Amino acid sequence: MALTTYEELQAELQERMPALAPGQRRIATVLLSDPEGTALRSIAETAEIAGVNQSSLVRFATMLGLKGYPALVRLCREHLSGQANLVSRFERAQEHTGQGSLFAAVLEHEKDNLTRSYARIAQADWDQAVKTLAEAPAVYVMGLRKCAPIAQLLGYLLRLVRRRVEQIRLRPACSSTSSATSTRRGPSWPSRSAATPPTPSAPSNTPSAVVSQRSH
C-alpha cells in the first residue's frame, strides 16, 4: 500500500527501523527527527546530513513504495503545512477574548507539541535511555541558560528513584575563565580555590550517564 501521509511514513519507518541497514537507519532517523527541515532541504543537503549518497536516498524512497526523493519531501511538506507555527499561534490566541479560552488554547497547543515529540521517539531508544539511567553508577545532569530550571527539576525527580544523581552548575566566571561545580547528596566537596574548581570523580570501569540540556 502506497504511503499517502507523513503519519503513515512515520509508522512504517518505526516498524522497519530494527531491520534497516546502518545507512538506511540514518536516513530514517533524519526523516523522523526533523521532517520540517527535510521539507525544505534539497536531496544533496539531506544526503549530507544522513551521511549517505544521493542515490541511497532515491533507493530508500523506492523501497517504501514512493516515486523517489520528491515524494518523501512532499509527505514532509504536507506534514509541515499541518503543524501550527509561531505566527498562527498568536493569530489564534488573538481570536480568544476570554482568559479561560486563551488558557485552553495554549494548553491544547502544548499537548499537541508533547504528542508530536513522543511520536518521534522510537520505543527501543526510549527503553535504552531508561535502562542507561537506571543502571549507571552515577548520573550527572547539566542544563544551560533557560534549561537550568528544567535540569534542576530532572535532577530532583531522578533522586526520588535512584542514588548518586549529581547536578553540574556553572559558577560565576573568574577573570576570563568559567568553572563548574557539582551538587550532590551526601558530604560536600572539599573547599578549593576558585581557580581550581572541584572535579567529580566517576567510576573508572563503568561509564556514568550524562544528561545535558541546552537552549538554542
N, C-alpha and C. Protein backbone atom coordinates (compact mmCIF):
# COMPACT_ATOMS: atom_id res chain seq x y z
N MET A 1 0.85 -1.20 0.00
CA MET A 1 0.00 0.00 0.00
C MET A 1 0.88 1.24 0.00
N ALA A 2 0.60 2.19 -0.90
CA ALA A 2 1.40 3.40 -1.02
C ALA A 2 1.19 4.30 0.20
N LEU A 3 2.27 4.93 0.61
CA LEU A 3 2.18 5.87 1.73
C LEU A 3 1.61 7.19 1.23
N THR A 4 0.61 7.71 1.93
CA THR A 4 -0.04 8.94 1.48
C THR A 4 0.09 10.08 2.48
N THR A 5 0.51 9.82 3.71
CA THR A 5 0.67 10.86 4.71
C THR A 5 1.97 10.66 5.46
N TYR A 6 2.43 11.72 6.12
CA TYR A 6 3.66 11.59 6.91
C TYR A 6 3.45 10.65 8.09
N GLU A 7 2.24 10.63 8.65
CA GLU A 7 1.97 9.74 9.77
C GLU A 7 2.14 8.28 9.36
N GLU A 8 1.70 7.95 8.13
CA GLU A 8 1.91 6.59 7.63
C GLU A 8 3.39 6.31 7.42
N LEU A 9 4.11 7.30 6.90
CA LEU A 9 5.56 7.16 6.73
C LEU A 9 6.24 6.94 8.07
N GLN A 10 5.85 7.71 9.05
CA GLN A 10 6.42 7.61 10.38
C GLN A 10 6.21 6.22 10.97
N ALA A 11 4.98 5.70 10.87
CA ALA A 11 4.69 4.37 11.41
C ALA A 11 5.48 3.29 10.68
N GLU A 12 5.62 3.44 9.36
CA GLU A 12 6.37 2.47 8.56
C GLU A 12 7.84 2.46 8.95
N LEU A 13 8.42 3.63 9.12
CA LEU A 13 9.83 3.72 9.48
C LEU A 13 10.10 3.16 10.86
N GLN A 14 9.23 3.47 11.81
CA GLN A 14 9.41 2.96 13.17
C GLN A 14 9.30 1.44 13.21
N GLU A 15 8.44 0.88 12.37
CA GLU A 15 8.29 -0.57 12.33
C GLU A 15 9.50 -1.24 11.68
N ARG A 16 10.05 -0.60 10.65
CA ARG A 16 11.17 -1.19 9.92
C ARG A 16 12.53 -0.90 10.55
N MET A 17 12.60 0.06 11.45
CA MET A 17 13.87 0.56 11.96
C MET A 17 14.83 -0.55 12.41
N PRO A 18 14.40 -1.54 13.21
CA PRO A 18 15.36 -2.55 13.68
C PRO A 18 16.01 -3.35 12.56
N ALA A 19 15.33 -3.50 11.42
CA ALA A 19 15.85 -4.33 10.34
C ALA A 19 16.61 -3.54 9.28
N LEU A 20 16.69 -2.23 9.41
CA LEU A 20 17.34 -1.40 8.40
C LEU A 20 18.86 -1.49 8.50
N ALA A 21 19.51 -1.32 7.35
CA ALA A 21 20.97 -1.23 7.32
C ALA A 21 21.40 0.10 7.95
N PRO A 22 22.66 0.22 8.37
CA PRO A 22 23.10 1.45 9.05
C PRO A 22 22.79 2.72 8.28
N GLY A 23 23.08 2.74 6.96
CA GLY A 23 22.80 3.93 6.17
C GLY A 23 21.32 4.23 6.09
N GLN A 24 20.52 3.20 5.91
CA GLN A 24 19.07 3.38 5.87
C GLN A 24 18.54 3.86 7.21
N ARG A 25 19.15 3.38 8.29
CA ARG A 25 18.71 3.80 9.62
C ARG A 25 19.00 5.29 9.83
N ARG A 26 20.11 5.76 9.30
CA ARG A 26 20.43 7.19 9.43
C ARG A 26 19.43 8.04 8.63
N ILE A 27 19.05 7.56 7.45
CA ILE A 27 18.04 8.28 6.67
C ILE A 27 16.72 8.32 7.42
N ALA A 28 16.31 7.18 7.96
CA ALA A 28 15.05 7.12 8.70
C ALA A 28 15.08 8.04 9.92
N THR A 29 16.22 8.10 10.58
CA THR A 29 16.34 8.97 11.75
C THR A 29 16.17 10.43 11.39
N VAL A 30 16.74 10.85 10.25
CA VAL A 30 16.57 12.23 9.79
C VAL A 30 15.10 12.52 9.50
N LEU A 31 14.45 11.59 8.82
CA LEU A 31 13.04 11.80 8.46
C LEU A 31 12.14 11.85 9.69
N LEU A 32 12.47 11.05 10.70
CA LEU A 32 11.64 11.01 11.91
C LEU A 32 11.92 12.18 12.84
N SER A 33 13.17 12.58 12.94
CA SER A 33 13.54 13.60 13.91
C SER A 33 13.37 15.02 13.39
N ASP A 34 13.43 15.19 12.07
CA ASP A 34 13.35 16.55 11.53
C ASP A 34 12.57 16.58 10.21
N PRO A 35 11.29 16.26 10.23
CA PRO A 35 10.50 16.32 8.99
C PRO A 35 10.35 17.74 8.48
N GLU A 36 10.33 18.72 9.41
CA GLU A 36 10.20 20.11 8.99
C GLU A 36 11.41 20.54 8.17
N GLY A 37 12.62 20.18 8.64
CA GLY A 37 13.82 20.53 7.91
C GLY A 37 13.91 19.80 6.58
N THR A 38 13.52 18.52 6.57
CA THR A 38 13.56 17.74 5.34
C THR A 38 12.65 18.34 4.28
N ALA A 39 11.54 18.92 4.72
CA ALA A 39 10.59 19.52 3.78
C ALA A 39 11.21 20.68 3.01
N LEU A 40 12.27 21.27 3.55
CA LEU A 40 12.87 22.45 2.93
C LEU A 40 14.26 22.19 2.36
N ARG A 41 14.75 20.97 2.50
CA ARG A 41 16.12 20.68 2.06
C ARG A 41 16.14 20.01 0.69
N SER A 42 17.23 20.20 -0.02
CA SER A 42 17.46 19.51 -1.28
C SER A 42 17.94 18.10 -0.99
N ILE A 43 17.96 17.26 -2.02
CA ILE A 43 18.41 15.88 -1.84
C ILE A 43 19.88 15.85 -1.42
N ALA A 44 20.67 16.79 -1.95
CA ALA A 44 22.09 16.83 -1.59
C ALA A 44 22.27 17.17 -0.11
N GLU A 45 21.48 18.11 0.39
CA GLU A 45 21.59 18.51 1.80
C GLU A 45 21.16 17.38 2.73
N THR A 46 20.06 16.72 2.40
CA THR A 46 19.60 15.61 3.24
C THR A 46 20.60 14.46 3.22
N ALA A 47 21.17 14.17 2.04
CA ALA A 47 22.16 13.11 1.94
C ALA A 47 23.39 13.41 2.79
N GLU A 48 23.80 14.67 2.81
CA GLU A 48 24.97 15.06 3.62
C GLU A 48 24.68 14.89 5.11
N ILE A 49 23.49 15.30 5.54
CA ILE A 49 23.13 15.18 6.95
C ILE A 49 23.06 13.72 7.38
N ALA A 50 22.51 12.87 6.50
CA ALA A 50 22.38 11.45 6.83
C ALA A 50 23.67 10.67 6.61
N GLY A 51 24.63 11.29 5.95
CA GLY A 51 25.90 10.62 5.70
C GLY A 51 25.80 9.51 4.67
N VAL A 52 24.97 9.72 3.63
CA VAL A 52 24.80 8.73 2.58
C VAL A 52 24.90 9.41 1.22
N ASN A 53 24.93 8.60 0.16
CA ASN A 53 24.91 9.13 -1.19
C ASN A 53 23.49 9.51 -1.58
N GLN A 54 23.38 10.42 -2.54
CA GLN A 54 22.05 10.83 -3.01
C GLN A 54 21.28 9.64 -3.58
N SER A 55 21.99 8.75 -4.26
CA SER A 55 21.33 7.57 -4.83
C SER A 55 20.73 6.68 -3.74
N SER A 56 21.35 6.70 -2.55
CA SER A 56 20.81 5.91 -1.43
C SER A 56 19.46 6.45 -0.99
N LEU A 57 19.31 7.77 -1.03
CA LEU A 57 18.02 8.37 -0.70
C LEU A 57 16.95 7.97 -1.70
N VAL A 58 17.31 7.95 -2.98
CA VAL A 58 16.35 7.55 -4.02
C VAL A 58 15.94 6.10 -3.82
N ARG A 59 16.91 5.22 -3.57
CA ARG A 59 16.60 3.80 -3.36
C ARG A 59 15.76 3.61 -2.10
N PHE A 60 16.03 4.41 -1.08
CA PHE A 60 15.27 4.31 0.16
C PHE A 60 13.81 4.66 -0.09
N ALA A 61 13.58 5.73 -0.83
CA ALA A 61 12.21 6.13 -1.14
C ALA A 61 11.51 5.06 -1.97
N THR A 62 12.23 4.47 -2.93
CA THR A 62 11.65 3.42 -3.77
C THR A 62 11.30 2.19 -2.94
N MET A 63 12.15 1.86 -1.96
CA MET A 63 11.90 0.73 -1.09
C MET A 63 10.58 0.89 -0.33
N LEU A 64 10.24 2.16 -0.04
CA LEU A 64 9.00 2.44 0.70
C LEU A 64 7.79 2.56 -0.23
N GLY A 65 8.02 2.35 -1.53
CA GLY A 65 6.92 2.43 -2.48
C GLY A 65 6.64 3.83 -2.97
N LEU A 66 7.61 4.73 -2.79
CA LEU A 66 7.45 6.12 -3.22
C LEU A 66 8.23 6.37 -4.50
N LYS A 67 7.84 7.39 -5.23
CA LYS A 67 8.49 7.72 -6.50
C LYS A 67 9.64 8.69 -6.27
N GLY A 68 10.69 8.19 -5.65
CA GLY A 68 11.89 8.97 -5.48
C GLY A 68 11.85 9.94 -4.31
N TYR A 69 12.93 10.72 -4.19
CA TYR A 69 13.07 11.67 -3.08
C TYR A 69 11.99 12.74 -3.08
N PRO A 70 11.55 13.26 -4.23
CA PRO A 70 10.49 14.28 -4.20
C PRO A 70 9.22 13.82 -3.48
N ALA A 71 8.91 12.53 -3.56
CA ALA A 71 7.73 12.01 -2.87
C ALA A 71 7.92 12.07 -1.35
N LEU A 72 9.16 11.81 -0.89
CA LEU A 72 9.45 11.94 0.54
C LEU A 72 9.27 13.38 1.00
N VAL A 73 9.81 14.30 0.19
CA VAL A 73 9.70 15.73 0.52
C VAL A 73 8.24 16.16 0.56
N ARG A 74 7.43 15.64 -0.38
CA ARG A 74 6.02 16.03 -0.42
C ARG A 74 5.31 15.63 0.87
N LEU A 75 5.57 14.43 1.37
CA LEU A 75 4.96 13.99 2.62
C LEU A 75 5.38 14.89 3.78
N CYS A 76 6.66 15.25 3.81
CA CYS A 76 7.16 16.12 4.88
C CYS A 76 6.57 17.52 4.77
N ARG A 77 6.39 18.02 3.54
CA ARG A 77 5.82 19.35 3.36
C ARG A 77 4.34 19.39 3.76
N GLU A 78 3.62 18.33 3.45
CA GLU A 78 2.23 18.27 3.87
C GLU A 78 2.12 18.22 5.39
N HIS A 79 3.07 17.50 6.00
CA HIS A 79 3.12 17.45 7.46
C HIS A 79 3.43 18.84 8.03
N LEU A 80 4.39 19.52 7.40
CA LEU A 80 4.79 20.85 7.86
C LEU A 80 3.63 21.83 7.76
N SER A 81 2.88 21.76 6.67
CA SER A 81 1.77 22.69 6.48
C SER A 81 0.67 22.47 7.51
N GLY A 82 0.59 21.25 8.04
CA GLY A 82 -0.44 20.97 9.02
C GLY A 82 -0.05 21.31 10.45
N GLN A 83 1.21 21.65 10.65
CA GLN A 83 1.68 21.97 12.00
C GLN A 83 1.50 23.46 12.30
N ALA A 84 1.17 23.74 13.54
CA ALA A 84 1.00 25.14 13.93
C ALA A 84 2.35 25.79 14.11
N ASN A 85 2.58 26.91 13.43
CA ASN A 85 3.81 27.66 13.62
C ASN A 85 3.56 28.82 14.59
N LEU A 86 4.60 29.55 14.88
CA LEU A 86 4.51 30.60 15.89
C LEU A 86 3.51 31.68 15.49
N VAL A 87 3.49 32.03 14.20
CA VAL A 87 2.59 33.09 13.76
C VAL A 87 1.14 32.69 13.95
N SER A 88 0.81 31.46 13.54
CA SER A 88 -0.58 31.02 13.67
C SER A 88 -0.99 30.89 15.12
N ARG A 89 -0.02 30.58 16.00
CA ARG A 89 -0.35 30.52 17.43
C ARG A 89 -0.82 31.87 17.94
N PHE A 90 -0.11 32.95 17.57
CA PHE A 90 -0.51 34.28 18.00
C PHE A 90 -1.85 34.68 17.37
N GLU A 91 -2.03 34.30 16.10
CA GLU A 91 -3.28 34.65 15.45
C GLU A 91 -4.47 33.97 16.12
N ARG A 92 -4.30 32.71 16.46
CA ARG A 92 -5.39 32.01 17.15
C ARG A 92 -5.60 32.57 18.54
N ALA A 93 -4.51 32.94 19.20
CA ALA A 93 -4.64 33.49 20.55
C ALA A 93 -5.43 34.79 20.54
N GLN A 94 -5.24 35.60 19.49
CA GLN A 94 -5.95 36.87 19.40
C GLN A 94 -7.44 36.69 19.16
N GLU A 95 -7.82 35.52 18.66
CA GLU A 95 -9.23 35.26 18.42
C GLU A 95 -9.99 34.98 19.69
N HIS A 96 -9.25 34.62 20.75
CA HIS A 96 -9.90 34.32 22.03
C HIS A 96 -9.93 35.58 22.89
N THR A 97 -11.12 35.95 23.30
CA THR A 97 -11.25 37.17 24.08
C THR A 97 -11.15 36.92 25.57
N GLY A 98 -11.58 35.77 26.04
CA GLY A 98 -11.57 35.49 27.47
C GLY A 98 -10.28 34.81 27.89
N GLN A 99 -9.87 35.03 29.13
CA GLN A 99 -8.66 34.40 29.64
C GLN A 99 -8.81 32.89 29.69
N GLY A 100 -10.03 32.41 30.02
CA GLY A 100 -10.25 30.98 30.05
C GLY A 100 -10.04 30.34 28.70
N SER A 101 -10.53 30.98 27.65
CA SER A 101 -10.38 30.45 26.30
C SER A 101 -8.91 30.46 25.87
N LEU A 102 -8.19 31.52 26.20
CA LEU A 102 -6.78 31.60 25.86
C LEU A 102 -5.99 30.50 26.56
N PHE A 103 -6.28 30.28 27.82
CA PHE A 103 -5.60 29.24 28.58
C PHE A 103 -5.85 27.87 27.96
N ALA A 104 -7.09 27.61 27.57
CA ALA A 104 -7.43 26.33 26.96
C ALA A 104 -6.72 26.15 25.63
N ALA A 105 -6.60 27.23 24.85
CA ALA A 105 -5.93 27.15 23.55
C ALA A 105 -4.44 26.85 23.72
N VAL A 106 -3.80 27.53 24.67
CA VAL A 106 -2.37 27.31 24.91
C VAL A 106 -2.14 25.89 25.42
N LEU A 107 -3.00 25.42 26.31
CA LEU A 107 -2.87 24.08 26.86
C LEU A 107 -3.02 23.03 25.76
N GLU A 108 -3.97 23.24 24.85
CA GLU A 108 -4.18 22.30 23.76
C GLU A 108 -2.98 22.26 22.82
N HIS A 109 -2.41 23.44 22.57
CA HIS A 109 -1.24 23.50 21.68
C HIS A 109 -0.05 22.77 22.28
N GLU A 110 0.19 22.97 23.59
CA GLU A 110 1.31 22.31 24.23
C GLU A 110 1.10 20.80 24.29
N LYS A 111 -0.16 20.39 24.44
CA LYS A 111 -0.44 18.95 24.43
C LYS A 111 -0.10 18.35 23.06
N ASP A 112 -0.42 19.09 21.99
CA ASP A 112 -0.06 18.63 20.64
C ASP A 112 1.46 18.55 20.48
N ASN A 113 2.18 19.53 21.05
CA ASN A 113 3.65 19.51 20.97
C ASN A 113 4.23 18.25 21.63
N LEU A 114 3.69 17.91 22.80
CA LEU A 114 4.16 16.73 23.51
C LEU A 114 3.85 15.46 22.72
N THR A 115 2.67 15.42 22.12
CA THR A 115 2.29 14.25 21.33
C THR A 115 3.21 14.07 20.14
N ARG A 116 3.53 15.18 19.44
CA ARG A 116 4.43 15.09 18.29
C ARG A 116 5.83 14.67 18.72
N SER A 117 6.30 15.22 19.84
CA SER A 117 7.65 14.88 20.31
C SER A 117 7.73 13.39 20.67
N TYR A 118 6.74 12.90 21.38
CA TYR A 118 6.75 11.49 21.79
C TYR A 118 6.66 10.57 20.58
N ALA A 119 5.91 10.98 19.55
CA ALA A 119 5.75 10.14 18.36
C ALA A 119 7.05 9.97 17.60
N ARG A 120 7.99 10.91 17.77
CA ARG A 120 9.26 10.84 17.05
C ARG A 120 10.29 9.98 17.76
N ILE A 121 9.97 9.49 18.97
CA ILE A 121 10.93 8.70 19.74
C ILE A 121 10.64 7.22 19.52
N ALA A 122 11.63 6.50 19.01
CA ALA A 122 11.48 5.06 18.83
C ALA A 122 11.43 4.38 20.19
N GLN A 123 10.58 3.38 20.33
CA GLN A 123 10.42 2.70 21.61
C GLN A 123 11.73 2.09 22.09
N ALA A 124 12.52 1.55 21.14
CA ALA A 124 13.80 0.95 21.53
C ALA A 124 14.75 2.00 22.11
N ASP A 125 14.75 3.21 21.53
CA ASP A 125 15.60 4.28 22.05
C ASP A 125 15.15 4.70 23.44
N TRP A 126 13.84 4.78 23.62
CA TRP A 126 13.29 5.16 24.93
C TRP A 126 13.68 4.12 25.99
N ASP A 127 13.51 2.84 25.67
CA ASP A 127 13.84 1.78 26.61
C ASP A 127 15.33 1.79 26.95
N GLN A 128 16.19 2.06 25.94
CA GLN A 128 17.62 2.09 26.19
C GLN A 128 18.00 3.26 27.09
N ALA A 129 17.36 4.43 26.89
CA ALA A 129 17.64 5.59 27.74
C ALA A 129 17.25 5.31 29.19
N VAL A 130 16.09 4.70 29.39
CA VAL A 130 15.63 4.37 30.74
C VAL A 130 16.58 3.37 31.39
N LYS A 131 17.00 2.36 30.62
CA LYS A 131 17.92 1.35 31.15
C LYS A 131 19.26 1.97 31.54
N THR A 132 19.76 2.88 30.71
CA THR A 132 21.04 3.53 31.00
C THR A 132 20.95 4.36 32.28
N LEU A 133 19.87 5.14 32.42
CA LEU A 133 19.70 5.97 33.62
C LEU A 133 19.52 5.11 34.88
N ALA A 134 18.90 3.97 34.73
CA ALA A 134 18.64 3.12 35.90
C ALA A 134 19.89 2.36 36.35
N GLU A 135 20.73 1.95 35.39
CA GLU A 135 21.85 1.07 35.72
C GLU A 135 23.18 1.78 35.87
N ALA A 136 23.28 3.03 35.44
CA ALA A 136 24.55 3.76 35.55
C ALA A 136 24.91 3.95 37.02
N PRO A 137 26.19 3.83 37.37
CA PRO A 137 26.59 4.05 38.77
C PRO A 137 26.35 5.48 39.24
N ALA A 138 26.34 6.43 38.31
CA ALA A 138 26.08 7.83 38.66
C ALA A 138 25.46 8.52 37.45
N VAL A 139 24.64 9.53 37.72
CA VAL A 139 24.04 10.32 36.66
C VAL A 139 24.38 11.79 36.91
N TYR A 140 24.95 12.44 35.91
CA TYR A 140 25.31 13.85 36.00
C TYR A 140 24.35 14.65 35.13
N VAL A 141 23.71 15.64 35.69
CA VAL A 141 22.70 16.44 34.98
C VAL A 141 23.20 17.87 34.87
N MET A 142 23.14 18.43 33.66
CA MET A 142 23.54 19.81 33.46
C MET A 142 22.59 20.49 32.49
N GLY A 143 22.12 21.67 32.83
CA GLY A 143 21.29 22.47 31.94
C GLY A 143 21.84 23.88 31.86
N LEU A 144 21.91 24.42 30.65
CA LEU A 144 22.48 25.75 30.45
C LEU A 144 21.38 26.76 30.16
N ARG A 145 21.58 27.99 30.64
CA ARG A 145 20.68 29.10 30.38
C ARG A 145 19.27 28.77 30.81
N LYS A 146 18.30 28.89 29.89
CA LYS A 146 16.91 28.72 30.29
C LYS A 146 16.57 27.27 30.58
N CYS A 147 17.47 26.33 30.24
CA CYS A 147 17.25 24.93 30.55
C CYS A 147 17.69 24.57 31.98
N ALA A 148 18.33 25.51 32.68
CA ALA A 148 18.82 25.22 34.03
C ALA A 148 17.70 24.80 34.98
N PRO A 149 16.54 25.50 35.01
CA PRO A 149 15.46 25.06 35.92
C PRO A 149 14.94 23.68 35.56
N ILE A 150 14.91 23.35 34.25
CA ILE A 150 14.44 22.03 33.84
C ILE A 150 15.42 20.96 34.31
N ALA A 151 16.71 21.24 34.19
CA ALA A 151 17.72 20.30 34.65
C ALA A 151 17.63 20.10 36.16
N GLN A 152 17.35 21.18 36.88
CA GLN A 152 17.21 21.07 38.34
C GLN A 152 16.03 20.18 38.71
N LEU A 153 14.91 20.35 37.99
CA LEU A 153 13.74 19.51 38.23
C LEU A 153 14.03 18.06 37.90
N LEU A 154 14.73 17.82 36.77
CA LEU A 154 15.06 16.46 36.39
C LEU A 154 15.95 15.80 37.44
N GLY A 155 16.93 16.55 37.94
CA GLY A 155 17.80 16.01 38.97
C GLY A 155 17.02 15.64 40.23
N TYR A 156 16.08 16.51 40.61
CA TYR A 156 15.26 16.24 41.80
C TYR A 156 14.42 14.97 41.61
N LEU A 157 13.80 14.83 40.43
CA LEU A 157 12.95 13.67 40.18
C LEU A 157 13.77 12.38 40.12
N LEU A 158 14.96 12.45 39.54
CA LEU A 158 15.80 11.26 39.47
C LEU A 158 16.25 10.82 40.86
N ARG A 159 16.48 11.79 41.75
CA ARG A 159 16.91 11.43 43.12
C ARG A 159 15.81 10.70 43.88
N LEU A 160 14.57 10.84 43.43
CA LEU A 160 13.47 10.14 44.10
C LEU A 160 13.49 8.64 43.81
N VAL A 161 14.16 8.24 42.73
CA VAL A 161 14.10 6.84 42.32
C VAL A 161 15.45 6.16 42.26
N ARG A 162 16.57 6.92 42.44
CA ARG A 162 17.88 6.28 42.39
C ARG A 162 18.89 7.10 43.18
N ARG A 163 20.03 6.47 43.46
CA ARG A 163 21.12 7.13 44.18
C ARG A 163 22.10 7.77 43.19
N ARG A 164 22.99 8.60 43.74
CA ARG A 164 24.09 9.22 43.00
C ARG A 164 23.62 9.98 41.76
N VAL A 165 22.80 10.96 42.00
CA VAL A 165 22.43 11.91 40.94
C VAL A 165 23.08 13.24 41.29
N GLU A 166 23.91 13.75 40.41
CA GLU A 166 24.67 14.95 40.70
C GLU A 166 24.37 16.04 39.67
N GLN A 167 24.16 17.24 40.17
CA GLN A 167 23.82 18.37 39.31
C GLN A 167 25.06 19.21 39.05
N ILE A 168 25.37 19.43 37.78
CA ILE A 168 26.51 20.26 37.40
C ILE A 168 26.00 21.66 37.15
N ARG A 169 26.53 22.63 37.90
CA ARG A 169 26.11 24.02 37.76
C ARG A 169 27.30 24.90 37.39
N LEU A 170 27.05 25.88 36.54
CA LEU A 170 28.09 26.85 36.21
C LEU A 170 28.29 27.82 37.35
N ARG A 171 29.54 28.11 37.67
CA ARG A 171 29.85 29.10 38.70
C ARG A 171 30.15 30.43 38.02
N PRO A 172 30.00 31.54 38.73
CA PRO A 172 30.37 32.84 38.14
C PRO A 172 31.80 32.83 37.63
N ALA A 173 32.01 33.42 36.49
CA ALA A 173 33.34 33.41 35.87
C ALA A 173 34.34 34.16 36.72
N CYS A 174 35.54 33.59 36.79
CA CYS A 174 36.65 34.24 37.48
C CYS A 174 37.63 34.70 36.42
N SER A 175 37.87 35.98 36.34
CA SER A 175 38.66 36.57 35.27
C SER A 175 38.00 36.20 33.94
N SER A 176 38.76 35.49 33.07
CA SER A 176 38.20 35.10 31.78
C SER A 176 37.85 33.62 31.75
N THR A 177 37.90 32.95 32.88
CA THR A 177 37.67 31.51 32.93
C THR A 177 36.42 31.21 33.71
N SER A 178 35.50 30.42 33.12
CA SER A 178 34.30 29.99 33.83
C SER A 178 34.54 28.60 34.38
N SER A 179 33.88 28.27 35.47
CA SER A 179 34.08 26.97 36.08
C SER A 179 32.74 26.37 36.41
N ALA A 180 32.76 25.10 36.82
CA ALA A 180 31.53 24.39 37.12
C ALA A 180 31.69 23.66 38.43
N THR A 181 30.57 23.46 39.12
CA THR A 181 30.56 22.69 40.35
C THR A 181 29.51 21.61 40.23
N SER A 182 29.63 20.62 41.09
CA SER A 182 28.68 19.52 41.09
C SER A 182 27.98 19.51 42.43
N THR A 183 26.64 19.53 42.41
CA THR A 183 25.85 19.45 43.63
C THR A 183 25.42 18.01 43.81
N ARG A 184 25.74 17.43 44.94
CA ARG A 184 25.47 16.01 45.14
C ARG A 184 24.91 15.80 46.54
N ARG A 185 24.21 14.71 46.70
CA ARG A 185 23.73 14.34 48.02
C ARG A 185 24.86 13.73 48.81
N GLY A 186 24.89 14.01 50.09
CA GLY A 186 25.95 13.46 50.90
C GLY A 186 26.96 14.53 51.25
N PRO A 187 28.18 14.12 51.61
CA PRO A 187 29.21 15.08 52.01
C PRO A 187 29.49 16.08 50.92
N SER A 188 29.77 17.32 51.32
CA SER A 188 30.07 18.36 50.34
C SER A 188 31.50 18.20 49.85
N TRP A 189 31.79 18.85 48.72
CA TRP A 189 33.14 18.80 48.17
C TRP A 189 34.11 19.56 49.07
N PRO A 190 35.35 19.12 49.14
CA PRO A 190 36.36 19.88 49.89
C PRO A 190 36.52 21.26 49.30
N SER A 191 36.76 22.24 50.15
CA SER A 191 36.91 23.61 49.66
C SER A 191 38.20 23.75 48.90
N ARG A 192 38.11 24.43 47.73
CA ARG A 192 39.29 24.69 46.93
C ARG A 192 39.22 26.13 46.46
N SER A 193 40.29 26.58 45.86
CA SER A 193 40.30 27.95 45.37
C SER A 193 39.42 28.06 44.15
N ALA A 194 38.97 29.28 43.85
CA ALA A 194 38.07 29.48 42.71
C ALA A 194 38.75 29.14 41.40
N ALA A 195 40.06 29.22 41.36
CA ALA A 195 40.76 28.96 40.10
C ALA A 195 40.84 27.48 39.78
N THR A 196 40.65 26.62 40.80
CA THR A 196 40.70 25.18 40.56
C THR A 196 39.41 24.56 41.05
N PRO A 197 38.38 24.59 40.19
CA PRO A 197 37.08 24.06 40.60
C PRO A 197 37.15 22.57 40.85
N PRO A 198 36.31 22.05 41.76
CA PRO A 198 36.31 20.62 42.05
C PRO A 198 35.85 19.82 40.86
N THR A 199 36.45 18.67 40.66
CA THR A 199 36.07 17.79 39.57
C THR A 199 35.53 16.50 40.16
N PRO A 200 34.22 16.18 39.92
CA PRO A 200 33.67 14.95 40.49
C PRO A 200 34.30 13.73 39.86
N SER A 201 34.58 12.74 40.69
CA SER A 201 35.19 11.52 40.18
C SER A 201 34.11 10.52 39.85
N ALA A 202 34.28 9.80 38.74
CA ALA A 202 33.33 8.78 38.32
C ALA A 202 34.04 7.44 38.31
N PRO A 203 33.31 6.33 38.48
CA PRO A 203 33.95 5.01 38.44
C PRO A 203 34.71 4.82 37.15
N SER A 204 35.87 4.21 37.22
CA SER A 204 36.73 4.09 36.06
C SER A 204 36.31 2.97 35.13
N ASN A 205 35.62 1.94 35.65
CA ASN A 205 35.31 0.78 34.83
C ASN A 205 33.98 0.94 34.09
N THR A 206 32.97 1.48 34.75
CA THR A 206 31.64 1.58 34.16
C THR A 206 31.31 3.04 33.88
N PRO A 207 30.91 3.36 32.65
CA PRO A 207 30.61 4.76 32.32
C PRO A 207 29.38 5.25 33.04
N SER A 208 29.37 6.52 33.43
CA SER A 208 28.22 7.12 34.06
C SER A 208 27.33 7.75 33.01
N ALA A 209 26.09 7.96 33.39
CA ALA A 209 25.15 8.59 32.46
C ALA A 209 25.23 10.10 32.61
N VAL A 210 25.21 10.79 31.50
CA VAL A 210 25.27 12.24 31.50
C VAL A 210 24.04 12.77 30.78
N VAL A 211 23.28 13.63 31.45
CA VAL A 211 22.11 14.24 30.84
C VAL A 211 22.41 15.71 30.69
N SER A 212 22.47 16.21 29.47
CA SER A 212 22.79 17.60 29.21
C SER A 212 21.68 18.24 28.42
N GLN A 213 21.29 19.47 28.83
CA GLN A 213 20.24 20.20 28.14
C GLN A 213 20.75 21.58 27.80
N ARG A 214 20.49 22.01 26.55
CA ARG A 214 20.93 23.33 26.11
C ARG A 214 19.75 24.07 25.51
N SER A 215 19.80 25.37 25.65
CA SER A 215 18.82 26.20 24.96
C SER A 215 19.41 26.65 23.64
N HIS A 216 18.58 26.77 22.63
CA HIS A 216 19.07 27.15 21.30
C HIS A 216 18.70 28.59 21.00
